[in-house]
Full PDB file with SEQRES, HELIX, SHEET, SSBOND, CRYST1, ORIGX, SCALE, CONECT and MASTER records, all heavy atoms in Angstrom:
SEQRES   1 A   35  GLN SER GLU ASN PRO LYS ALA VAL PHE ALA VAL LEU PRO          
SEQRES   2 A   35  SER ASP HIS VAL ILE LEU LYS GLU GLU ALA TYR VAL SER          
SEQRES   3 A   35  LYS LEU ALA GLN ALA PHE GLU PHE ALA                          
HELIX    1 AA1 GLU A   21  PHE A   34  1                                  14    
CRYST1    1.000    1.000    1.000  90.00  90.00  90.00 P 1           1          
ORIGX1      1.000000  0.000000  0.000000        0.00000                         
ORIGX2      0.000000  1.000000  0.000000        0.00000                         
ORIGX3      0.000000  0.000000  1.000000        0.00000                         
SCALE1      1.000000  0.000000  0.000000        0.00000                         
SCALE2      0.000000  1.000000  0.000000        0.00000                         
SCALE3      0.000000  0.000000  1.000000        0.00000                         
ATOM      1  N   GLN A   1       5.023  -5.529   9.387  1.00  0.00           N  
ATOM      2  CA  GLN A   1       4.732  -5.765  10.802  1.00  0.00           C  
ATOM      3  C   GLN A   1       5.165  -4.576  11.654  1.00  0.00           C  
ATOM      4  O   GLN A   1       4.486  -4.239  12.638  1.00  0.00           O  
ATOM      5  CB  GLN A   1       5.435  -7.032  11.279  1.00  0.00           C  
ATOM      6  CG  GLN A   1       5.128  -7.399  12.731  1.00  0.00           C  
ATOM      7  CD  GLN A   1       5.991  -8.523  13.237  1.00  0.00           C  
ATOM      8  OE1 GLN A   1       7.215  -8.503  13.093  1.00  0.00           O  
ATOM      9  NE2 GLN A   1       5.371  -9.549  13.817  1.00  0.00           N  
ATOM     10  N   SER A   2       6.261  -3.947  11.295  1.00  0.00           N  
ATOM     11  CA  SER A   2       6.734  -2.798  12.069  1.00  0.00           C  
ATOM     12  C   SER A   2       5.772  -1.620  11.982  1.00  0.00           C  
ATOM     13  O   SER A   2       5.744  -0.764  12.866  1.00  0.00           O  
ATOM     14  CB  SER A   2       8.125  -2.365  11.584  1.00  0.00           C  
ATOM     15  OG  SER A   2       8.064  -1.699  10.329  1.00  0.00           O  
ATOM     16  N   GLU A   3       4.955  -1.583  10.924  1.00  0.00           N  
ATOM     17  CA  GLU A   3       3.979  -0.517  10.757  1.00  0.00           C  
ATOM     18  C   GLU A   3       2.605  -0.925  11.275  1.00  0.00           C  
ATOM     19  O   GLU A   3       1.894  -0.111  11.874  1.00  0.00           O  
ATOM     20  CB  GLU A   3       3.867  -0.124   9.277  1.00  0.00           C  
ATOM     21  CG  GLU A   3       5.165   0.408   8.687  1.00  0.00           C  
ATOM     22  CD  GLU A   3       4.985   0.836   7.233  1.00  0.00           C  
ATOM     23  OE1 GLU A   3       3.833   0.845   6.750  1.00  0.00           O  
ATOM     24  OE2 GLU A   3       5.993   1.172   6.596  1.00  0.00           O  
ATOM     25  N   ASN A   4       2.236  -2.166  11.003  1.00  0.00           N  
ATOM     26  CA  ASN A   4       0.902  -2.638  11.384  1.00  0.00           C  
ATOM     27  C   ASN A   4       0.928  -4.158  11.522  1.00  0.00           C  
ATOM     28  O   ASN A   4       0.824  -4.875  10.521  1.00  0.00           O  
ATOM     29  CB  ASN A   4      -0.127  -2.219  10.335  1.00  0.00           C  
ATOM     30  CG  ASN A   4      -1.553  -2.524  10.770  1.00  0.00           C  
ATOM     31  OD1 ASN A   4      -1.779  -3.400  11.601  1.00  0.00           O  
ATOM     32  ND2 ASN A   4      -2.506  -1.813  10.213  1.00  0.00           N  
ATOM     33  N   PRO A   5       1.066  -4.667  12.738  1.00  0.00           N  
ATOM     34  CA  PRO A   5       1.159  -6.128  12.927  1.00  0.00           C  
ATOM     35  C   PRO A   5      -0.111  -6.873  12.571  1.00  0.00           C  
ATOM     36  O   PRO A   5      -0.096  -8.096  12.446  1.00  0.00           O  
ATOM     37  CB  PRO A   5       1.488  -6.263  14.418  1.00  0.00           C  
ATOM     38  CG  PRO A   5       1.042  -4.984  15.042  1.00  0.00           C  
ATOM     39  CD  PRO A   5       1.217  -3.931  14.005  1.00  0.00           C  
ATOM     40  N   LYS A   6      -1.227  -6.171  12.410  1.00  0.00           N  
ATOM     41  CA  LYS A   6      -2.479  -6.822  12.043  1.00  0.00           C  
ATOM     42  C   LYS A   6      -2.759  -6.757  10.544  1.00  0.00           C  
ATOM     43  O   LYS A   6      -3.835  -7.134  10.080  1.00  0.00           O  
ATOM     44  CB  LYS A   6      -3.650  -6.186  12.803  1.00  0.00           C  
ATOM     45  CG  LYS A   6      -3.618  -6.434  14.308  1.00  0.00           C  
ATOM     46  CD  LYS A   6      -4.858  -5.893  14.968  1.00  0.00           C  
ATOM     47  CE  LYS A   6      -4.875  -6.241  16.451  1.00  0.00           C  
ATOM     48  NZ  LYS A   6      -4.972  -7.695  16.670  1.00  0.00           N  
ATOM     49  N   ALA A   7      -1.796  -6.311   9.777  1.00  0.00           N  
ATOM     50  CA  ALA A   7      -1.998  -6.106   8.346  1.00  0.00           C  
ATOM     51  C   ALA A   7      -2.146  -7.424   7.586  1.00  0.00           C  
ATOM     52  O   ALA A   7      -1.653  -8.475   7.996  1.00  0.00           O  
ATOM     53  CB  ALA A   7      -0.836  -5.310   7.764  1.00  0.00           C  
ATOM     54  N   VAL A   8      -2.835  -7.336   6.462  1.00  0.00           N  
ATOM     55  CA  VAL A   8      -2.914  -8.408   5.475  1.00  0.00           C  
ATOM     56  C   VAL A   8      -2.291  -7.850   4.204  1.00  0.00           C  
ATOM     57  O   VAL A   8      -2.562  -6.701   3.831  1.00  0.00           O  
ATOM     58  CB  VAL A   8      -4.373  -8.832   5.204  1.00  0.00           C  
ATOM     59  CG1 VAL A   8      -4.429  -9.933   4.159  1.00  0.00           C  
ATOM     60  CG2 VAL A   8      -5.040  -9.268   6.507  1.00  0.00           C  
ATOM     61  N   PHE A   9      -1.441  -8.636   3.555  1.00  0.00           N  
ATOM     62  CA  PHE A   9      -0.815  -8.081   2.355  1.00  0.00           C  
ATOM     63  C   PHE A   9      -0.743  -9.090   1.212  1.00  0.00           C  
ATOM     64  O   PHE A   9      -0.669 -10.296   1.426  1.00  0.00           O  
ATOM     65  CB  PHE A   9       0.572  -7.503   2.663  1.00  0.00           C  
ATOM     66  CG  PHE A   9       1.668  -8.490   2.979  1.00  0.00           C  
ATOM     67  CD1 PHE A   9       2.605  -8.856   2.008  1.00  0.00           C  
ATOM     68  CD2 PHE A   9       1.802  -9.021   4.261  1.00  0.00           C  
ATOM     69  CE1 PHE A   9       3.639  -9.732   2.303  1.00  0.00           C  
ATOM     70  CE2 PHE A   9       2.830  -9.893   4.565  1.00  0.00           C  
ATOM     71  CZ  PHE A   9       3.753 -10.266   3.582  1.00  0.00           C  
ATOM     72  N   ALA A  10      -0.791  -8.539   0.005  1.00  0.00           N  
ATOM     73  CA  ALA A  10      -0.649  -9.332  -1.211  1.00  0.00           C  
ATOM     74  C   ALA A  10       0.768  -9.185  -1.724  1.00  0.00           C  
ATOM     75  O   ALA A  10       1.395  -8.132  -1.588  1.00  0.00           O  
ATOM     76  CB  ALA A  10      -1.632  -8.860  -2.274  1.00  0.00           C  
ATOM     77  N   VAL A  11       1.268 -10.241  -2.321  1.00  0.00           N  
ATOM     78  CA  VAL A  11       2.557 -10.224  -3.014  1.00  0.00           C  
ATOM     79  C   VAL A  11       2.269 -10.455  -4.486  1.00  0.00           C  
ATOM     80  O   VAL A  11       1.711 -11.490  -4.866  1.00  0.00           O  
ATOM     81  CB  VAL A  11       3.493 -11.325  -2.471  1.00  0.00           C  
ATOM     82  CG1 VAL A  11       4.762 -11.403  -3.297  1.00  0.00           C  
ATOM     83  CG2 VAL A  11       3.824 -11.058  -1.007  1.00  0.00           C  
ATOM     84  N   LEU A  12       2.634  -9.478  -5.317  1.00  0.00           N  
ATOM     85  CA  LEU A  12       2.292  -9.522  -6.734  1.00  0.00           C  
ATOM     86  C   LEU A  12       3.527  -9.288  -7.597  1.00  0.00           C  
ATOM     87  O   LEU A  12       4.383  -8.478  -7.244  1.00  0.00           O  
ATOM     88  CB  LEU A  12       1.255  -8.438  -7.061  1.00  0.00           C  
ATOM     89  CG  LEU A  12      -0.025  -8.416  -6.219  1.00  0.00           C  
ATOM     90  CD1 LEU A  12      -0.872  -7.222  -6.611  1.00  0.00           C  
ATOM     91  CD2 LEU A  12      -0.809  -9.711  -6.403  1.00  0.00           C  
ATOM     92  N   PRO A  13       3.627  -9.958  -8.729  1.00  0.00           N  
ATOM     93  CA  PRO A  13       4.708  -9.667  -9.673  1.00  0.00           C  
ATOM     94  C   PRO A  13       4.511  -8.289 -10.306  1.00  0.00           C  
ATOM     95  O   PRO A  13       3.387  -7.779 -10.384  1.00  0.00           O  
ATOM     96  CB  PRO A  13       4.587 -10.776 -10.718  1.00  0.00           C  
ATOM     97  CG  PRO A  13       3.736 -11.824 -10.075  1.00  0.00           C  
ATOM     98  CD  PRO A  13       2.809 -11.095  -9.163  1.00  0.00           C  
ATOM     99  N   SER A  14       5.589  -7.715 -10.789  1.00  0.00           N  
ATOM    100  CA  SER A  14       5.540  -6.363 -11.350  1.00  0.00           C  
ATOM    101  C   SER A  14       5.336  -6.341 -12.851  1.00  0.00           C  
ATOM    102  O   SER A  14       5.166  -5.262 -13.436  1.00  0.00           O  
ATOM    103  CB  SER A  14       6.846  -5.630 -11.034  1.00  0.00           C  
ATOM    104  OG  SER A  14       7.949  -6.318 -11.620  1.00  0.00           O  
ATOM    105  N   ASP A  15       5.348  -7.519 -13.499  1.00  0.00           N  
ATOM    106  CA  ASP A  15       5.473  -7.521 -14.955  1.00  0.00           C  
ATOM    107  C   ASP A  15       4.447  -8.413 -15.649  1.00  0.00           C  
ATOM    108  O   ASP A  15       4.715  -8.955 -16.722  1.00  0.00           O  
ATOM    109  CB  ASP A  15       6.881  -7.964 -15.350  1.00  0.00           C  
ATOM    110  CG  ASP A  15       7.306  -9.269 -14.661  1.00  0.00           C  
ATOM    111  OD1 ASP A  15       6.458  -9.876 -13.966  1.00  0.00           O  
ATOM    112  OD2 ASP A  15       8.470  -9.665 -14.813  1.00  0.00           O  
ATOM    113  N   HIS A  16       3.275  -8.556 -15.038  1.00  0.00           N  
ATOM    114  CA  HIS A  16       2.228  -9.378 -15.647  1.00  0.00           C  
ATOM    115  C   HIS A  16       1.173  -8.513 -16.317  1.00  0.00           C  
ATOM    116  O   HIS A  16       1.009  -7.345 -15.992  1.00  0.00           O  
ATOM    117  CB  HIS A  16       1.564 -10.272 -14.604  1.00  0.00           C  
ATOM    118  CG  HIS A  16       2.459 -11.353 -14.102  1.00  0.00           C  
ATOM    119  ND1 HIS A  16       2.023 -12.349 -13.252  1.00  0.00           N  
ATOM    120  CD2 HIS A  16       3.770 -11.613 -14.331  1.00  0.00           C  
ATOM    121  CE1 HIS A  16       3.032 -13.166 -12.976  1.00  0.00           C  
ATOM    122  NE2 HIS A  16       4.089 -12.732 -13.612  1.00  0.00           N  
ATOM    123  N   VAL A  17       0.455  -9.129 -17.248  1.00  0.00           N  
ATOM    124  CA  VAL A  17      -0.651  -8.463 -17.933  1.00  0.00           C  
ATOM    125  C   VAL A  17      -1.962  -8.987 -17.383  1.00  0.00           C  
ATOM    126  O   VAL A  17      -2.139 -10.198 -17.226  1.00  0.00           O  
ATOM    127  CB  VAL A  17      -0.580  -8.715 -19.454  1.00  0.00           C  
ATOM    128  CG1 VAL A  17      -1.864  -8.268 -20.136  1.00  0.00           C  
ATOM    129  CG2 VAL A  17       0.603  -7.976 -20.052  1.00  0.00           C  
ATOM    130  N   ILE A  18      -2.877  -8.089 -17.065  1.00  0.00           N  
ATOM    131  CA  ILE A  18      -4.224  -8.432 -16.599  1.00  0.00           C  
ATOM    132  C   ILE A  18      -5.213  -7.707 -17.498  1.00  0.00           C  
ATOM    133  O   ILE A  18      -5.321  -6.473 -17.451  1.00  0.00           O  
ATOM    134  CB  ILE A  18      -4.448  -8.014 -15.126  1.00  0.00           C  
ATOM    135  CG1 ILE A  18      -3.353  -8.561 -14.209  1.00  0.00           C  
ATOM    136  CG2 ILE A  18      -5.834  -8.439 -14.670  1.00  0.00           C  
ATOM    137  CD1 ILE A  18      -3.358 -10.050 -14.032  1.00  0.00           C  
ATOM    138  N   LEU A  19      -5.952  -8.437 -18.317  1.00  0.00           N  
ATOM    139  CA  LEU A  19      -6.895  -7.802 -19.231  1.00  0.00           C  
ATOM    140  C   LEU A  19      -8.231  -7.478 -18.568  1.00  0.00           C  
ATOM    141  O   LEU A  19      -8.863  -6.489 -18.904  1.00  0.00           O  
ATOM    142  CB  LEU A  19      -7.140  -8.710 -20.444  1.00  0.00           C  
ATOM    143  CG  LEU A  19      -5.934  -8.968 -21.353  1.00  0.00           C  
ATOM    144  CD1 LEU A  19      -6.336  -9.896 -22.495  1.00  0.00           C  
ATOM    145  CD2 LEU A  19      -5.379  -7.668 -21.902  1.00  0.00           C  
ATOM    146  N   LYS A  20      -8.651  -8.320 -17.618  1.00  0.00           N  
ATOM    147  CA  LYS A  20      -9.960  -8.143 -16.971  1.00  0.00           C  
ATOM    148  C   LYS A  20      -9.734  -7.569 -15.573  1.00  0.00           C  
ATOM    149  O   LYS A  20      -9.743  -8.270 -14.563  1.00  0.00           O  
ATOM    150  CB  LYS A  20     -10.692  -9.479 -16.902  1.00  0.00           C  
ATOM    151  CG  LYS A  20     -10.901 -10.129 -18.271  1.00  0.00           C  
ATOM    152  CD  LYS A  20     -11.555 -11.500 -18.159  1.00  0.00           C  
ATOM    153  CE  LYS A  20     -11.716 -12.162 -19.513  1.00  0.00           C  
ATOM    154  NZ  LYS A  20     -12.329 -13.517 -19.411  1.00  0.00           N  
ATOM    155  N   GLU A  21      -9.541  -6.252 -15.521  1.00  0.00           N  
ATOM    156  CA  GLU A  21      -9.124  -5.629 -14.263  1.00  0.00           C  
ATOM    157  C   GLU A  21     -10.218  -5.652 -13.205  1.00  0.00           C  
ATOM    158  O   GLU A  21      -9.925  -5.784 -12.011  1.00  0.00           O  
ATOM    159  CB  GLU A  21      -8.634  -4.199 -14.513  1.00  0.00           C  
ATOM    160  CG  GLU A  21      -7.317  -4.144 -15.272  1.00  0.00           C  
ATOM    161  CD  GLU A  21      -6.589  -2.837 -15.088  1.00  0.00           C  
ATOM    162  OE1 GLU A  21      -7.141  -1.928 -14.411  1.00  0.00           O  
ATOM    163  OE2 GLU A  21      -5.458  -2.710 -15.596  1.00  0.00           O  
ATOM    164  N   GLU A  22     -11.468  -5.512 -13.594  1.00  0.00           N  
ATOM    165  CA  GLU A  22     -12.550  -5.547 -12.603  1.00  0.00           C  
ATOM    166  C   GLU A  22     -12.613  -6.907 -11.931  1.00  0.00           C  
ATOM    167  O   GLU A  22     -12.772  -7.007 -10.698  1.00  0.00           O  
ATOM    168  CB  GLU A  22     -13.887  -5.206 -13.262  1.00  0.00           C  
ATOM    169  CG  GLU A  22     -14.033  -3.744 -13.652  1.00  0.00           C  
ATOM    170  CD  GLU A  22     -15.434  -3.428 -14.141  1.00  0.00           C  
ATOM    171  OE1 GLU A  22     -16.322  -4.294 -13.990  1.00  0.00           O  
ATOM    172  OE2 GLU A  22     -15.631  -2.321 -14.670  1.00  0.00           O  
ATOM    173  N   ALA A  23     -12.491  -7.972 -12.710  1.00  0.00           N  
ATOM    174  CA  ALA A  23     -12.492  -9.322 -12.141  1.00  0.00           C  
ATOM    175  C   ALA A  23     -11.274  -9.521 -11.251  1.00  0.00           C  
ATOM    176  O   ALA A  23     -11.357 -10.146 -10.184  1.00  0.00           O  
ATOM    177  CB  ALA A  23     -12.503 -10.367 -13.253  1.00  0.00           C  
ATOM    178  N   TYR A  24     -10.145  -8.986 -11.677  1.00  0.00           N  
ATOM    179  CA  TYR A  24      -8.896  -9.081 -10.905  1.00  0.00           C  
ATOM    180  C   TYR A  24      -9.043  -8.411  -9.540  1.00  0.00           C  
ATOM    181  O   TYR A  24      -8.706  -8.992  -8.496  1.00  0.00           O  
ATOM    182  CB  TYR A  24      -7.777  -8.437 -11.706  1.00  0.00           C  
ATOM    183  CG  TYR A  24      -6.480  -8.210 -10.975  1.00  0.00           C  
ATOM    184  CD1 TYR A  24      -5.588  -9.260 -10.760  1.00  0.00           C  
ATOM    185  CD2 TYR A  24      -6.111  -6.933 -10.548  1.00  0.00           C  
ATOM    186  CE1 TYR A  24      -4.381  -9.047 -10.118  1.00  0.00           C  
ATOM    187  CE2 TYR A  24      -4.900  -6.716  -9.913  1.00  0.00           C  
ATOM    188  CZ  TYR A  24      -4.040  -7.771  -9.701  1.00  0.00           C  
ATOM    189  OH  TYR A  24      -2.850  -7.557  -9.071  1.00  0.00           O  
ATOM    190  N   VAL A  25      -9.576  -7.199  -9.520  1.00  0.00           N  
ATOM    191  CA  VAL A  25      -9.766  -6.466  -8.270  1.00  0.00           C  
ATOM    192  C   VAL A  25     -10.732  -7.227  -7.361  1.00  0.00           C  
ATOM    193  O   VAL A  25     -10.519  -7.336  -6.152  1.00  0.00           O  
ATOM    194  CB  VAL A  25     -10.285  -5.040  -8.557  1.00  0.00           C  
ATOM    195  CG1 VAL A  25     -10.733  -4.356  -7.271  1.00  0.00           C  
ATOM    196  CG2 VAL A  25      -9.204  -4.211  -9.241  1.00  0.00           C  
ATOM    197  N   SER A  26     -11.788  -7.787  -7.942  1.00  0.00           N  
ATOM    198  CA  SER A  26     -12.762  -8.548  -7.155  1.00  0.00           C  
ATOM    199  C   SER A  26     -12.126  -9.794  -6.540  1.00  0.00           C  
ATOM    200  O   SER A  26     -12.357 -10.106  -5.362  1.00  0.00           O  
ATOM    201  CB  SER A  26     -13.946  -8.941  -8.043  1.00  0.00           C  
ATOM    202  OG  SER A  26     -14.854  -9.768  -7.355  1.00  0.00           O  
ATOM    203  N   LYS A  27     -11.330 -10.518  -7.307  1.00  0.00           N  
ATOM    204  CA  LYS A  27     -10.684 -11.737  -6.801  1.00  0.00           C  
ATOM    205  C   LYS A  27      -9.679 -11.416  -5.702  1.00  0.00           C  
ATOM    206  O   LYS A  27      -9.600 -12.128  -4.691  1.00  0.00           O  
ATOM    207  CB  LYS A  27      -9.991 -12.477  -7.937  1.00  0.00           C  
ATOM    208  CG  LYS A  27     -10.925 -13.052  -8.982  1.00  0.00           C  
ATOM    209  CD  LYS A  27     -11.785 -14.177  -8.424  1.00  0.00           C  
ATOM    210  CE  LYS A  27     -12.622 -14.831  -9.504  1.00  0.00           C  
ATOM    211  NZ  LYS A  27     -13.475 -15.931  -8.986  1.00  0.00           N  
ATOM    212  N   LEU A  28      -8.915 -10.351  -5.869  1.00  0.00           N  
ATOM    213  CA  LEU A  28      -7.953  -9.991  -4.830  1.00  0.00           C  
ATOM    214  C   LEU A  28      -8.663  -9.545  -3.559  1.00  0.00           C  
ATOM    215  O   LEU A  28      -8.233  -9.866  -2.447  1.00  0.00           O  
ATOM    216  CB  LEU A  28      -7.020  -8.880  -5.322  1.00  0.00           C  
ATOM    217  CG  LEU A  28      -5.713  -9.317  -5.966  1.00  0.00           C  
ATOM    218  CD1 LEU A  28      -4.865  -8.104  -6.334  1.00  0.00           C  
ATOM    219  CD2 LEU A  28      -4.910 -10.245  -5.054  1.00  0.00           C  
ATOM    220  N   ALA A  29      -9.756  -8.807  -3.706  1.00  0.00           N  
ATOM    221  CA  ALA A  29     -10.532  -8.403  -2.528  1.00  0.00           C  
ATOM    222  C   ALA A  29     -11.051  -9.630  -1.790  1.00  0.00           C  
ATOM    223  O   ALA A  29     -11.035  -9.687  -0.549  1.00  0.00           O  
ATOM    224  CB  ALA A  29     -11.685  -7.491  -2.950  1.00  0.00           C  
ATOM    225  N   GLN A  30     -11.505 -10.628  -2.537  1.00  0.00           N  
ATOM    226  CA  GLN A  30     -11.955 -11.879  -1.927  1.00  0.00           C  
ATOM    227  C   GLN A  30     -10.806 -12.580  -1.212  1.00  0.00           C  
ATOM    228  O   GLN A  30     -10.968 -13.117  -0.108  1.00  0.00           O  
ATOM    229  CB  GLN A  30     -12.537 -12.799  -3.003  1.00  0.00           C  
ATOM    230  CG  GLN A  30     -13.066 -14.124  -2.471  1.00  0.00           C  
ATOM    231  CD  GLN A  30     -13.556 -15.051  -3.569  1.00  0.00           C  
ATOM    232  OE1 GLN A  30     -13.423 -14.740  -4.764  1.00  0.00           O  
ATOM    233  NE2 GLN A  30     -14.116 -16.173  -3.200  1.00  0.00           N  
ATOM    234  N   ALA A  31      -9.625 -12.555  -1.827  1.00  0.00           N  
ATOM    235  CA  ALA A  31      -8.459 -13.189  -1.214  1.00  0.00           C  
ATOM    236  C   ALA A  31      -8.058 -12.493   0.079  1.00  0.00           C  
ATOM    237  O   ALA A  31      -7.710 -13.148   1.076  1.00  0.00           O  
ATOM    238  CB  ALA A  31      -7.291 -13.181  -2.205  1.00  0.00           C  
ATOM    239  N   PHE A  32      -8.098 -11.170   0.092  1.00  0.00           N  
ATOM    240  CA  PHE A  32      -7.795 -10.418   1.317  1.00  0.00           C  
ATOM    241  C   PHE A  32      -8.740 -10.830   2.444  1.00  0.00           C  
ATOM    242  O   PHE A  32      -8.317 -11.080   3.569  1.00  0.00           O  
ATOM    243  CB  PHE A  32      -7.920  -8.909   1.061  1.00  0.00           C  
ATOM    244  CG  PHE A  32      -6.681  -8.255   0.517  1.00  0.00           C  
ATOM    245  CD1 PHE A  32      -6.675  -7.669  -0.740  1.00  0.00           C  
ATOM    246  CD2 PHE A  32      -5.520  -8.206   1.272  1.00  0.00           C  
ATOM    247  CE1 PHE A  32      -5.539  -7.052  -1.240  1.00  0.00           C  
ATOM    248  CE2 PHE A  32      -4.378  -7.584   0.789  1.00  0.00           C  
ATOM    249  CZ  PHE A  32      -4.387  -7.013  -0.482  1.00  0.00           C  
ATOM    250  N   GLU A  33     -10.034 -10.882   2.130  1.00  0.00           N  
ATOM    251  CA  GLU A  33     -11.041 -11.211   3.147  1.00  0.00           C  
ATOM    252  C   GLU A  33     -10.843 -12.632   3.669  1.00  0.00           C  
ATOM    253  O   GLU A  33     -10.888 -12.877   4.882  1.00  0.00           O  
ATOM    254  CB  GLU A  33     -12.438 -11.041   2.556  1.00  0.00           C  
ATOM    255  CG  GLU A  33     -13.560 -11.331   3.548  1.00  0.00           C  
ATOM    256  CD  GLU A  33     -14.933 -11.138   2.939  1.00  0.00           C  
ATOM    257  OE1 GLU A  33     -15.029 -10.674   1.783  1.00  0.00           O  
ATOM    258  OE2 GLU A  33     -15.933 -11.459   3.627  1.00  0.00           O  
ATOM    259  N   PHE A  34     -10.614 -13.583   2.756  1.00  0.00           N  
ATOM    260  CA  PHE A  34     -10.455 -14.975   3.170  1.00  0.00           C  
ATOM    261  C   PHE A  34      -9.181 -15.162   3.983  1.00  0.00           C  
ATOM    262  O   PHE A  34      -9.175 -15.868   4.999  1.00  0.00           O  
ATOM    263  CB  PHE A  34     -10.430 -15.882   1.937  1.00  0.00           C  
ATOM    264  CG  PHE A  34     -10.545 -17.350   2.255  1.00  0.00           C  
ATOM    265  CD1 PHE A  34     -11.787 -17.940   2.433  1.00  0.00           C  
ATOM    266  CD2 PHE A  34      -9.412 -18.139   2.397  1.00  0.00           C  
ATOM    267  CE1 PHE A  34     -11.899 -19.293   2.732  1.00  0.00           C  
ATOM    268  CE2 PHE A  34      -9.512 -19.493   2.689  1.00  0.00           C  
ATOM    269  CZ  PHE A  34     -10.753 -20.073   2.860  1.00  0.00           C  
ATOM    270  N   ALA A  35      -8.095 -14.534   3.560  1.00  0.00           N  
ATOM    271  CA  ALA A  35      -6.823 -14.662   4.276  1.00  0.00           C  
ATOM    272  C   ALA A  35      -6.931 -14.119   5.691  1.00  0.00           C  
ATOM    273  O   ALA A  35      -6.393 -14.705   6.643  1.00  0.00           O  
ATOM    274  CB  ALA A  35      -5.719 -13.924   3.515  1.00  0.00           C  
TER     275      ALA A  35                                                      
MASTER        0    0    0    1    0    0    0    6  274    1    0    3          
END                                                                             
């Protein structure tokens, strides 16, 4: 908020495995837009 009060942000764990990265990027992009 101190940098950009209009920002949207994701909170992600640092230690997970994602095998289908293209699908992952698409789902997160959808989540950003919906949020």
